N, C-alpha and C. Protein backbone atom coordinates (compact mmCIF):
# COMPACT_ATOMS: atom_id res chain seq x y z
N MET A 1 -14.20 7.63 -41.66
CA MET A 1 -15.19 8.35 -41.72
C MET A 1 -16.55 8.08 -41.16
N LYS A 2 -17.19 7.58 -41.50
CA LYS A 2 -18.39 6.94 -40.68
C LYS A 2 -18.13 6.05 -39.36
N THR A 3 -16.82 5.40 -39.00
CA THR A 3 -16.70 4.88 -37.97
C THR A 3 -16.47 6.47 -36.78
N ALA A 4 -15.57 7.15 -37.16
CA ALA A 4 -15.42 8.10 -36.20
C ALA A 4 -16.78 8.87 -35.94
N PHE A 5 -17.73 8.77 -36.62
CA PHE A 5 -18.85 10.21 -36.48
C PHE A 5 -19.61 8.83 -35.12
N LEU A 6 -19.81 7.69 -35.71
CA LEU A 6 -20.37 6.60 -34.50
C LEU A 6 -19.74 6.34 -33.65
N SER A 7 -18.54 6.42 -33.48
CA SER A 7 -17.55 6.43 -31.86
C SER A 7 -17.60 7.94 -31.35
N ALA A 8 -17.82 8.98 -32.71
CA ALA A 8 -17.95 9.97 -31.45
C ALA A 8 -19.64 10.03 -30.84
N ALA A 9 -20.64 9.57 -31.36
CA ALA A 9 -21.91 9.35 -30.92
C ALA A 9 -22.33 8.72 -29.93
N ALA A 10 -21.31 7.81 -29.93
CA ALA A 10 -21.20 6.61 -28.90
C ALA A 10 -21.06 7.74 -27.32
N LEU A 11 -20.02 8.03 -27.95
CA LEU A 11 -19.46 8.81 -26.21
C LEU A 11 -20.17 9.93 -26.04
N LEU A 12 -21.35 10.83 -26.68
CA LEU A 12 -21.95 11.91 -26.27
C LEU A 12 -23.20 11.53 -25.94
N LEU A 13 -23.36 9.93 -26.23
CA LEU A 13 -24.71 9.43 -25.49
C LEU A 13 -23.98 8.95 -24.31
N SER A 14 -23.20 8.21 -23.84
CA SER A 14 -22.27 7.56 -22.97
C SER A 14 -22.48 9.01 -21.68
N THR A 15 -21.87 9.70 -22.05
CA THR A 15 -21.79 10.62 -21.17
C THR A 15 -22.91 11.44 -20.72
N ALA A 16 -24.41 11.71 -21.44
CA ALA A 16 -25.32 12.27 -21.25
C ALA A 16 -26.04 12.14 -19.92
N THR A 17 -25.88 12.87 -19.51
CA THR A 17 -26.94 13.34 -18.08
C THR A 17 -28.69 13.29 -18.35
N ALA A 18 -29.72 13.15 -17.55
CA ALA A 18 -30.59 13.25 -17.34
C ALA A 18 -31.11 14.82 -16.83
N ASP A 19 -32.36 14.83 -17.04
CA ASP A 19 -32.09 16.59 -17.18
C ASP A 19 -32.49 16.90 -15.28
N VAL A 20 -32.25 17.94 -15.01
CA VAL A 20 -32.33 18.88 -14.06
C VAL A 20 -32.75 20.64 -14.37
N ALA A 21 -33.18 21.17 -13.46
CA ALA A 21 -34.05 22.46 -13.63
C ALA A 21 -32.59 22.90 -13.88
N PRO A 22 -32.41 24.10 -14.65
CA PRO A 22 -31.34 24.96 -14.81
C PRO A 22 -31.19 25.39 -13.40
N ALA A 23 -29.84 25.92 -12.81
CA ALA A 23 -29.72 26.42 -11.61
C ALA A 23 -29.96 24.97 -10.76
N PHE A 24 -30.41 24.09 -10.76
CA PHE A 24 -29.97 23.15 -9.60
C PHE A 24 -28.76 22.63 -9.11
N PRO A 25 -28.23 22.60 -8.16
CA PRO A 25 -27.09 22.62 -7.30
C PRO A 25 -26.24 21.13 -7.70
N LEU A 26 -26.80 20.01 -8.62
CA LEU A 26 -26.47 18.77 -8.64
C LEU A 26 -26.55 18.57 -10.25
N PRO A 27 -25.51 17.68 -10.56
CA PRO A 27 -26.42 17.53 -11.89
C PRO A 27 -27.36 16.40 -12.11
N GLY A 28 -27.62 15.98 -13.12
CA GLY A 28 -28.46 15.31 -13.28
C GLY A 28 -28.15 13.58 -13.49
N GLY A 29 -28.94 12.66 -13.04
CA GLY A 29 -28.27 11.34 -13.76
C GLY A 29 -28.25 10.79 -14.77
N PRO A 30 -27.97 9.69 -15.18
CA PRO A 30 -27.44 8.97 -16.53
C PRO A 30 -28.82 9.03 -17.19
N THR A 31 -30.11 8.76 -16.29
CA THR A 31 -31.28 8.40 -16.84
C THR A 31 -32.11 9.30 -16.61
N ASN A 32 -33.25 9.31 -17.09
CA ASN A 32 -34.43 9.76 -16.90
C ASN A 32 -35.65 9.34 -15.63
N LEU A 33 -36.11 9.94 -14.94
CA LEU A 33 -37.18 9.24 -14.17
C LEU A 33 -38.67 9.79 -14.97
N THR A 34 -39.49 8.75 -15.13
CA THR A 34 -40.90 9.24 -15.94
C THR A 34 -41.32 9.31 -14.40
N ILE A 35 -42.09 10.68 -14.77
CA ILE A 35 -42.81 11.37 -13.47
C ILE A 35 -44.66 11.06 -13.64
N THR A 36 -45.36 10.57 -13.57
CA THR A 36 -47.27 10.58 -14.35
C THR A 36 -47.73 10.84 -12.76
N TYR A 37 -48.52 11.81 -13.04
CA TYR A 37 -49.07 11.91 -12.20
C TYR A 37 -50.72 11.44 -12.40
N ASN A 38 -51.68 11.32 -11.77
CA ASN A 38 -53.22 10.50 -12.38
C ASN A 38 -52.98 9.71 -13.21
N ASN A 39 -52.09 9.14 -13.33
CA ASN A 39 -52.11 7.99 -13.79
C ASN A 39 -52.17 7.77 -15.31
N ASN A 40 -52.13 9.51 -15.93
CA ASN A 40 -52.46 9.78 -17.03
C ASN A 40 -51.62 10.87 -17.25
N ASP A 41 -51.10 11.79 -16.75
CA ASP A 41 -51.07 12.77 -16.55
C ASP A 41 -49.17 12.97 -16.63
N THR A 42 -48.22 12.25 -18.08
CA THR A 42 -46.88 12.09 -17.51
C THR A 42 -45.84 13.26 -17.93
N VAL A 43 -45.13 13.93 -17.36
CA VAL A 43 -44.49 14.79 -17.87
C VAL A 43 -43.60 14.26 -18.49
N SER A 44 -43.54 15.34 -20.07
CA SER A 44 -43.13 15.21 -21.17
C SER A 44 -43.43 16.43 -22.06
N PRO A 45 -42.34 16.97 -22.40
CA PRO A 45 -41.02 16.86 -22.13
C PRO A 45 -40.22 17.23 -20.92
N GLN A 46 -38.87 17.22 -19.94
CA GLN A 46 -38.59 16.95 -18.61
C GLN A 46 -38.75 18.96 -18.51
N GLY A 47 -39.50 19.34 -17.76
CA GLY A 47 -39.53 21.04 -17.45
C GLY A 47 -40.67 21.30 -17.53
N GLU A 48 -41.24 19.69 -18.35
CA GLU A 48 -43.16 20.50 -18.76
C GLU A 48 -43.67 21.82 -17.64
N LEU A 49 -44.61 22.59 -18.12
CA LEU A 49 -44.97 23.22 -17.10
C LEU A 49 -46.75 22.53 -17.02
N LEU A 50 -47.15 22.20 -15.45
CA LEU A 50 -48.20 21.57 -15.05
C LEU A 50 -49.27 22.29 -14.47
N PRO A 51 -50.12 22.34 -14.67
CA PRO A 51 -51.02 23.36 -13.88
C PRO A 51 -51.66 22.63 -12.55
N ARG A 52 -51.46 23.39 -11.16
CA ARG A 52 -50.97 23.26 -9.98
C ARG A 52 -52.15 21.63 -9.18
N PRO A 53 -53.21 22.17 -10.14
CA PRO A 53 -54.23 21.05 -9.45
C PRO A 53 -54.03 19.83 -9.92
N VAL A 54 -53.52 19.54 -10.85
CA VAL A 54 -52.78 18.72 -11.63
C VAL A 54 -51.80 17.75 -10.23
N THR A 55 -50.99 17.98 -9.46
CA THR A 55 -50.35 17.61 -8.79
C THR A 55 -50.78 17.26 -6.91
N ALA A 56 -52.00 17.22 -6.84
CA ALA A 56 -52.59 17.04 -5.63
C ALA A 56 -51.98 16.33 -4.89
N GLN A 57 -51.72 15.04 -5.78
CA GLN A 57 -51.29 13.70 -4.90
C GLN A 57 -50.13 13.40 -5.60
N ALA A 58 -49.18 12.61 -4.85
CA ALA A 58 -48.14 12.47 -5.16
C ALA A 58 -47.53 11.15 -6.89
N PRO A 59 -46.99 11.47 -7.19
CA PRO A 59 -47.34 11.10 -8.58
C PRO A 59 -46.72 9.47 -8.40
N SER A 60 -46.72 8.99 -9.50
CA SER A 60 -45.69 7.66 -10.08
C SER A 60 -44.82 8.03 -10.74
N ILE A 61 -43.56 7.29 -10.07
CA ILE A 61 -42.32 7.57 -10.98
C ILE A 61 -41.55 6.00 -11.03
N SER A 62 -41.14 6.30 -12.61
CA SER A 62 -40.72 5.19 -12.96
C SER A 62 -39.43 5.31 -13.77
N ALA A 63 -38.41 4.45 -13.78
CA ALA A 63 -37.06 4.63 -14.17
C ALA A 63 -36.67 3.85 -15.33
N PRO A 64 -37.70 3.41 -16.35
CA PRO A 64 -37.28 2.26 -17.63
C PRO A 64 -35.58 1.46 -17.56
N GLN A 65 -35.04 2.76 -18.00
CA GLN A 65 -33.40 2.18 -17.76
C GLN A 65 -32.79 1.40 -16.75
N LEU A 66 -33.43 1.65 -15.22
CA LEU A 66 -33.08 1.39 -14.66
C LEU A 66 -33.67 -0.62 -14.60
N SER A 67 -34.62 -0.55 -14.96
CA SER A 67 -34.96 -2.35 -14.54
C SER A 67 -33.61 -2.98 -15.42
N SER A 68 -33.26 -2.94 -16.11
CA SER A 68 -32.03 -3.89 -16.66
C SER A 68 -30.85 -3.69 -15.67
N VAL A 69 -30.91 -2.99 -14.39
CA VAL A 69 -29.47 -3.40 -13.45
C VAL A 69 -29.98 -4.07 -12.39
N SER A 70 -29.01 -4.79 -12.56
CA SER A 70 -29.40 -5.81 -11.59
C SER A 70 -29.10 -5.57 -9.77
N ASN A 71 -29.51 -4.45 -9.98
CA ASN A 71 -29.20 -3.78 -8.06
C ASN A 71 -30.45 -4.52 -7.27
N SER A 72 -30.22 -5.14 -6.29
CA SER A 72 -31.35 -5.80 -5.82
C SER A 72 -31.41 -4.67 -4.28
N GLY A 73 -30.61 -3.39 -4.17
CA GLY A 73 -30.79 -2.60 -3.27
C GLY A 73 -31.80 -1.88 -3.16
N LEU A 74 -31.70 -0.92 -2.32
CA LEU A 74 -33.19 0.05 -2.19
C LEU A 74 -32.39 1.62 -2.78
N TYR A 75 -32.89 2.76 -2.51
CA TYR A 75 -33.29 3.82 -3.19
C TYR A 75 -34.01 5.07 -2.36
N LEU A 76 -33.53 6.18 -2.66
CA LEU A 76 -33.74 7.40 -1.82
C LEU A 76 -34.53 8.21 -2.73
N LEU A 77 -35.44 8.49 -3.21
CA LEU A 77 -36.17 9.79 -3.94
C LEU A 77 -36.21 11.34 -3.15
N LEU A 78 -35.98 12.44 -3.88
CA LEU A 78 -36.06 13.66 -3.25
C LEU A 78 -36.64 14.41 -4.18
N MET A 79 -37.61 15.19 -3.68
CA MET A 79 -38.47 16.34 -4.80
C MET A 79 -38.29 17.74 -3.79
N ILE A 80 -37.72 18.52 -4.60
CA ILE A 80 -37.14 19.46 -3.99
C ILE A 80 -37.49 21.13 -5.15
N ASP A 81 -38.38 21.93 -4.62
CA ASP A 81 -38.84 22.97 -5.45
C ASP A 81 -37.20 24.21 -5.22
N ILE A 82 -37.07 24.77 -6.17
CA ILE A 82 -35.41 25.79 -5.97
C ILE A 82 -36.06 27.25 -6.15
N ASP A 83 -37.38 27.59 -6.30
CA ASP A 83 -37.94 28.87 -6.61
C ASP A 83 -38.47 29.34 -5.86
N VAL A 84 -38.30 29.28 -4.37
CA VAL A 84 -39.38 29.66 -3.29
C VAL A 84 -38.78 30.90 -3.09
N PRO A 85 -39.83 32.06 -3.02
CA PRO A 85 -39.41 33.37 -2.83
C PRO A 85 -39.07 33.52 -1.20
N ARG A 86 -37.81 34.25 -0.97
CA ARG A 86 -37.62 34.22 0.19
C ARG A 86 -36.89 35.59 1.12
N ASN A 87 -37.04 36.51 1.89
CA ASN A 87 -35.84 37.94 1.58
C ASN A 87 -35.86 38.09 0.23
N ASN A 88 -36.21 38.40 -0.64
CA ASN A 88 -35.88 39.02 -1.77
C ASN A 88 -34.87 38.16 -2.71
N THR A 89 -34.76 36.79 -2.29
CA THR A 89 -34.06 35.73 -3.36
C THR A 89 -35.10 34.26 -3.42
N ARG A 90 -34.03 33.13 -3.82
CA ARG A 90 -34.63 32.26 -4.46
C ARG A 90 -34.11 31.20 -3.86
N VAL A 91 -34.78 30.75 -2.80
CA VAL A 91 -34.38 29.32 -1.94
C VAL A 91 -35.03 28.24 -2.24
N PRO A 92 -34.46 27.09 -1.48
CA PRO A 92 -34.96 25.55 -2.11
C PRO A 92 -36.33 25.10 -1.10
N LEU A 93 -36.86 23.86 -0.91
CA LEU A 93 -37.96 23.72 -0.56
C LEU A 93 -37.70 21.98 -0.57
N ILE A 94 -37.33 21.18 0.36
CA ILE A 94 -37.74 19.94 0.21
C ILE A 94 -39.40 19.44 0.35
N HIS A 95 -39.81 19.16 -0.64
CA HIS A 95 -41.43 18.48 -1.51
C HIS A 95 -41.39 17.05 -0.50
N TRP A 96 -40.38 16.19 -0.64
CA TRP A 96 -40.56 14.90 -0.26
C TRP A 96 -39.29 14.21 -0.21
N LEU A 97 -39.20 13.19 0.64
CA LEU A 97 -37.69 12.59 1.28
C LEU A 97 -38.51 11.33 1.15
N ALA A 98 -38.66 10.01 0.21
CA ALA A 98 -38.94 8.87 0.03
C ALA A 98 -37.35 8.09 0.21
N PRO A 99 -36.36 7.49 1.15
CA PRO A 99 -36.19 5.89 1.35
C PRO A 99 -36.89 4.73 1.30
N ASN A 100 -36.01 3.62 1.27
CA ASN A 100 -36.08 2.36 0.92
C ASN A 100 -37.18 2.21 -0.38
N ILE A 101 -36.68 2.86 -1.07
CA ILE A 101 -37.96 2.70 -2.49
C ILE A 101 -36.92 1.06 -3.16
N SER A 102 -38.00 0.37 -3.16
CA SER A 102 -37.71 -0.55 -4.15
C SER A 102 -38.38 -0.82 -5.52
N LEU A 103 -37.28 -1.15 -6.33
CA LEU A 103 -37.69 -1.18 -7.95
C LEU A 103 -38.23 -3.28 -8.63
N SER A 104 -39.54 -2.57 -9.39
CA SER A 104 -40.29 -3.48 -9.52
C SER A 104 -40.61 -2.91 -11.04
N SER A 105 -40.19 -4.35 -11.86
CA SER A 105 -40.12 -3.75 -13.34
C SER A 105 -39.21 -2.43 -13.44
N SER A 106 -39.99 -1.62 -14.12
CA SER A 106 -39.38 -0.42 -14.03
C SER A 106 -39.77 0.72 -13.53
N SER A 107 -40.89 0.59 -11.65
CA SER A 107 -41.67 1.45 -11.27
C SER A 107 -41.21 1.10 -10.06
N LEU A 108 -41.12 2.23 -9.31
CA LEU A 108 -40.73 2.74 -8.12
C LEU A 108 -41.57 2.50 -6.84
N ASN A 109 -41.38 1.48 -5.88
CA ASN A 109 -42.35 1.35 -4.79
C ASN A 109 -41.92 1.98 -3.80
N ILE A 110 -42.67 3.26 -3.31
CA ILE A 110 -42.30 4.15 -2.30
C ILE A 110 -43.41 3.72 -1.53
N PRO A 111 -42.39 3.36 -0.19
CA PRO A 111 -43.73 3.07 0.81
C PRO A 111 -43.49 4.00 1.55
N SER A 112 -44.67 4.05 2.96
CA SER A 112 -45.24 5.27 3.53
C SER A 112 -45.28 4.45 4.58
N PRO A 113 -45.10 5.71 5.79
CA PRO A 113 -44.91 6.94 5.62
C PRO A 113 -43.41 7.17 5.20
N ASN A 114 -43.56 8.37 5.20
CA ASN A 114 -41.89 8.98 4.34
C ASN A 114 -41.41 10.11 6.08
N PRO A 115 -40.36 10.22 6.09
CA PRO A 115 -39.85 10.83 6.81
C PRO A 115 -40.17 12.36 6.22
N VAL A 116 -40.06 12.66 5.16
CA VAL A 116 -40.81 13.93 4.53
C VAL A 116 -42.01 13.63 3.84
N PRO A 117 -43.10 13.97 4.15
CA PRO A 117 -43.91 13.48 3.22
C PRO A 117 -44.29 14.28 1.93
N TYR A 118 -44.89 13.64 0.92
CA TYR A 118 -45.06 14.47 -0.07
C TYR A 118 -45.86 15.59 -0.17
N LEU A 119 -45.45 17.04 -0.29
CA LEU A 119 -46.43 18.02 -0.23
C LEU A 119 -46.43 18.62 -1.88
N GLN A 120 -47.69 18.88 -1.92
CA GLN A 120 -48.06 19.68 -3.21
C GLN A 120 -46.95 20.78 -3.79
N PRO A 121 -46.99 20.68 -5.01
CA PRO A 121 -46.56 21.82 -5.55
C PRO A 121 -47.67 23.56 -5.07
N SER A 122 -46.72 23.90 -4.68
CA SER A 122 -47.83 25.39 -4.33
C SER A 122 -47.21 26.67 -4.32
N PRO A 123 -46.92 27.00 -5.76
CA PRO A 123 -45.95 28.53 -5.59
C PRO A 123 -46.91 29.63 -5.23
N PRO A 124 -46.97 30.89 -4.54
CA PRO A 124 -47.76 31.86 -4.48
C PRO A 124 -48.36 32.07 -5.68
N VAL A 125 -49.80 32.24 -5.72
CA VAL A 125 -50.38 32.90 -6.06
C VAL A 125 -50.09 34.14 -7.36
N GLY A 126 -49.80 34.45 -8.55
CA GLY A 126 -48.72 35.15 -9.92
C GLY A 126 -47.56 34.99 -9.62
N ASP A 127 -46.78 34.17 -8.53
CA ASP A 127 -45.44 33.96 -9.16
C ASP A 127 -44.62 33.43 -10.24
N ILE A 128 -43.36 33.55 -10.56
CA ILE A 128 -43.30 32.45 -11.44
C ILE A 128 -43.42 31.21 -11.37
N PRO A 129 -42.99 30.28 -12.82
CA PRO A 129 -43.31 28.66 -12.72
C PRO A 129 -41.96 28.66 -11.90
N HIS A 130 -42.57 27.58 -10.30
CA HIS A 130 -41.34 26.92 -9.72
C HIS A 130 -40.72 25.56 -10.53
N ALA A 131 -39.79 25.30 -10.53
CA ALA A 131 -38.91 24.63 -11.09
C ALA A 131 -38.76 23.29 -9.65
N TYR A 132 -39.54 21.80 -9.87
CA TYR A 132 -39.87 20.64 -8.90
C TYR A 132 -38.71 19.62 -9.47
N ASN A 133 -37.47 19.73 -8.86
CA ASN A 133 -36.80 18.36 -9.28
C ASN A 133 -36.96 17.08 -8.59
N PHE A 134 -36.84 15.98 -9.30
CA PHE A 134 -37.17 14.55 -8.68
C PHE A 134 -35.31 14.04 -8.72
N ILE A 135 -34.94 13.84 -7.56
CA ILE A 135 -33.59 12.97 -7.86
C ILE A 135 -33.68 11.76 -7.23
N LEU A 136 -32.76 10.88 -7.70
CA LEU A 136 -32.95 9.55 -6.95
C LEU A 136 -31.98 9.00 -7.14
N PHE A 137 -31.51 8.55 -5.90
CA PHE A 137 -30.09 7.53 -5.41
C PHE A 137 -29.79 6.51 -5.08
N GLU A 138 -29.04 5.79 -4.86
CA GLU A 138 -29.02 4.44 -4.73
C GLU A 138 -28.72 4.51 -2.88
N GLN A 139 -29.60 3.83 -2.05
CA GLN A 139 -29.56 3.83 -0.59
C GLN A 139 -28.58 3.37 0.24
N PRO A 140 -27.87 4.12 0.63
CA PRO A 140 -26.61 3.41 1.46
C PRO A 140 -27.12 2.54 2.43
N THR A 141 -26.27 1.13 2.39
CA THR A 141 -26.67 0.16 3.52
C THR A 141 -26.76 1.08 4.73
N GLY A 142 -27.70 0.42 5.97
CA GLY A 142 -28.04 1.21 7.29
C GLY A 142 -28.45 2.76 7.39
N PHE A 143 -28.93 2.77 5.79
CA PHE A 143 -29.32 4.28 5.77
C PHE A 143 -29.69 4.83 6.86
N GLN A 144 -30.25 5.78 7.47
CA GLN A 144 -30.85 6.74 8.81
C GLN A 144 -30.84 8.23 7.95
N VAL A 145 -32.21 9.01 8.17
CA VAL A 145 -31.96 10.18 8.09
C VAL A 145 -31.19 10.72 9.12
N PRO A 146 -30.18 11.89 8.47
CA PRO A 146 -29.48 12.00 9.18
C PRO A 146 -29.83 13.22 10.37
N ALA A 147 -29.15 12.74 11.80
CA ALA A 147 -29.93 13.67 13.23
C ALA A 147 -30.34 15.13 12.88
N ARG A 148 -29.52 16.16 12.30
CA ARG A 148 -29.75 17.35 11.94
C ARG A 148 -30.75 17.74 11.22
N TYR A 149 -31.21 16.32 10.47
CA TYR A 149 -32.41 16.91 9.61
C TYR A 149 -33.39 16.13 10.02
N ALA A 150 -33.76 15.68 11.30
CA ALA A 150 -34.89 15.11 11.94
C ALA A 150 -36.34 15.90 11.75
N GLY A 151 -36.39 17.31 12.36
CA GLY A 151 -37.51 17.99 12.18
C GLY A 151 -37.43 18.46 10.11
N LEU A 152 -37.02 17.70 9.70
CA LEU A 152 -37.38 18.31 8.23
C LEU A 152 -39.15 18.58 7.87
N SER A 153 -39.60 17.74 8.35
CA SER A 153 -41.01 17.19 7.94
C SER A 153 -41.57 19.08 7.76
N SER A 154 -41.21 19.59 9.19
CA SER A 154 -41.66 21.10 9.59
C SER A 154 -40.89 22.23 9.44
N ASN A 155 -39.72 22.16 8.97
CA ASN A 155 -38.92 22.51 8.88
C ASN A 155 -38.55 22.83 7.32
N ARG A 156 -39.08 22.73 5.84
CA ARG A 156 -38.71 22.24 4.88
C ARG A 156 -37.83 23.22 3.45
N VAL A 157 -38.39 24.85 4.40
CA VAL A 157 -37.26 26.10 3.61
C VAL A 157 -36.15 26.14 3.68
N GLY A 158 -35.65 26.46 2.46
CA GLY A 158 -33.58 26.37 2.83
C GLY A 158 -32.79 25.10 2.92
N PHE A 159 -33.69 23.95 2.46
CA PHE A 159 -33.00 22.77 2.60
C PHE A 159 -31.88 23.06 1.70
N ASP A 160 -30.55 22.30 2.12
CA ASP A 160 -29.60 22.25 1.37
C ASP A 160 -29.18 21.15 0.70
N VAL A 161 -29.27 20.66 -0.40
CA VAL A 161 -29.38 19.29 -0.89
C VAL A 161 -27.94 18.77 -1.29
N ARG A 162 -27.09 19.92 -1.36
CA ARG A 162 -25.42 19.32 -1.13
C ARG A 162 -25.28 19.00 -0.04
N ALA A 163 -25.36 19.26 1.02
CA ALA A 163 -25.32 19.03 2.86
C ALA A 163 -26.07 17.82 3.11
N PHE A 164 -26.60 17.73 2.98
CA PHE A 164 -27.55 16.50 2.97
C PHE A 164 -27.13 15.20 2.02
N VAL A 165 -26.66 15.30 0.81
CA VAL A 165 -26.46 14.34 0.06
C VAL A 165 -24.92 13.61 0.94
N GLY A 166 -24.43 15.06 1.55
CA GLY A 166 -22.99 14.47 1.92
C GLY A 166 -22.91 13.51 3.26
N GLU A 167 -23.70 14.66 3.67
CA GLU A 167 -23.77 14.12 5.23
C GLU A 167 -24.82 12.45 5.26
N ALA A 168 -25.46 12.32 4.33
CA ALA A 168 -26.46 10.80 4.04
C ALA A 168 -25.66 10.21 3.37
N ARG A 169 -24.61 10.20 3.06
CA ARG A 169 -23.38 9.40 2.17
C ARG A 169 -24.14 8.77 1.01
N LEU A 170 -24.69 9.92 0.03
CA LEU A 170 -25.75 9.39 -0.78
C LEU A 170 -24.93 8.83 -2.10
N GLY A 171 -24.04 9.49 -2.66
CA GLY A 171 -23.19 9.98 -3.43
C GLY A 171 -23.94 10.31 -5.01
N GLY A 172 -23.43 9.62 -5.96
CA GLY A 172 -24.60 10.27 -6.97
C GLY A 172 -25.55 10.23 -7.33
N VAL A 173 -26.64 10.81 -7.92
CA VAL A 173 -27.61 11.07 -8.49
C VAL A 173 -27.86 9.73 -9.62
N ILE A 174 -28.35 8.67 -9.74
CA ILE A 174 -28.52 7.71 -10.96
C ILE A 174 -29.90 7.93 -11.60
N ALA A 175 -30.39 9.12 -11.54
CA ALA A 175 -31.67 9.26 -12.06
C ALA A 175 -32.28 10.63 -11.31
N SER A 176 -33.06 11.28 -12.76
CA SER A 176 -32.94 12.53 -12.24
C SER A 176 -34.34 13.11 -13.37
N GLY A 177 -35.10 13.88 -12.93
CA GLY A 177 -36.54 14.37 -14.14
C GLY A 177 -36.57 15.80 -13.18
N TRP A 178 -37.59 16.72 -14.21
CA TRP A 178 -37.85 17.94 -13.57
C TRP A 178 -39.79 18.09 -14.12
N LEU A 179 -39.83 19.29 -13.30
CA LEU A 179 -41.13 19.49 -13.86
C LEU A 179 -41.53 21.39 -13.23
N ARG A 180 -42.35 21.48 -13.75
CA ARG A 180 -42.52 23.60 -13.56
C ARG A 180 -44.09 23.35 -13.17
N VAL A 181 -44.56 24.15 -12.07
CA VAL A 181 -45.98 24.24 -11.73
C VAL A 181 -46.51 25.99 -11.49
N GLN A 182 -46.83 26.61 -12.13
CA GLN A 182 -47.47 27.82 -11.68
C GLN A 182 -48.59 27.80 -11.06
N ASN A 183 -49.31 28.63 -10.31
CA ASN A 183 -50.37 28.77 -9.50
C ASN A 183 -50.97 30.19 -10.07
N LEU A 184 -52.40 29.81 -11.18
CA LEU A 184 -53.15 30.82 -11.71
C LEU A 184 -54.31 31.07 -10.82
N THR A 185 -54.30 30.59 -9.79
CA THR A 185 -56.13 30.44 -9.24
C THR A 185 -56.06 31.47 -8.07
């Protein structure tokens, strides 16, 4: 009986995925990202509600579980708000597209500039808390932002993450995390 319980627990742990916000169009990866603003405001638990001012600068991100993976390749990070009000519905907005990320120990080394620079979460005043998803992919060799997304930094609303992942040939999410922000000012 004890062996059966341990086997079932191991199976559940091996198939668990990291968190993404409810209604996010992709499943989470097998590991959680650690998202830290201002070197001391770590999102915990996933989905934590943060005050908007805390998010002014891009966070540092780590993936402790990835440090044991012997992958010398590069990674790509997306940050997406799925709650932008538009025409009486909610649509996604891309806040960050950061390719060519390397892993040092467990920290992500995010080079600059990015095709889509970090944009501070800024829900409209009085709106519901918005969910911001951070998703990490292994970057394919020779990665280039697909041509139809060339103007993405000036046209962020309506970003179709599924289409982008397919066209960029990114594969599955390997790590993810999320937070919520509400603008009370």
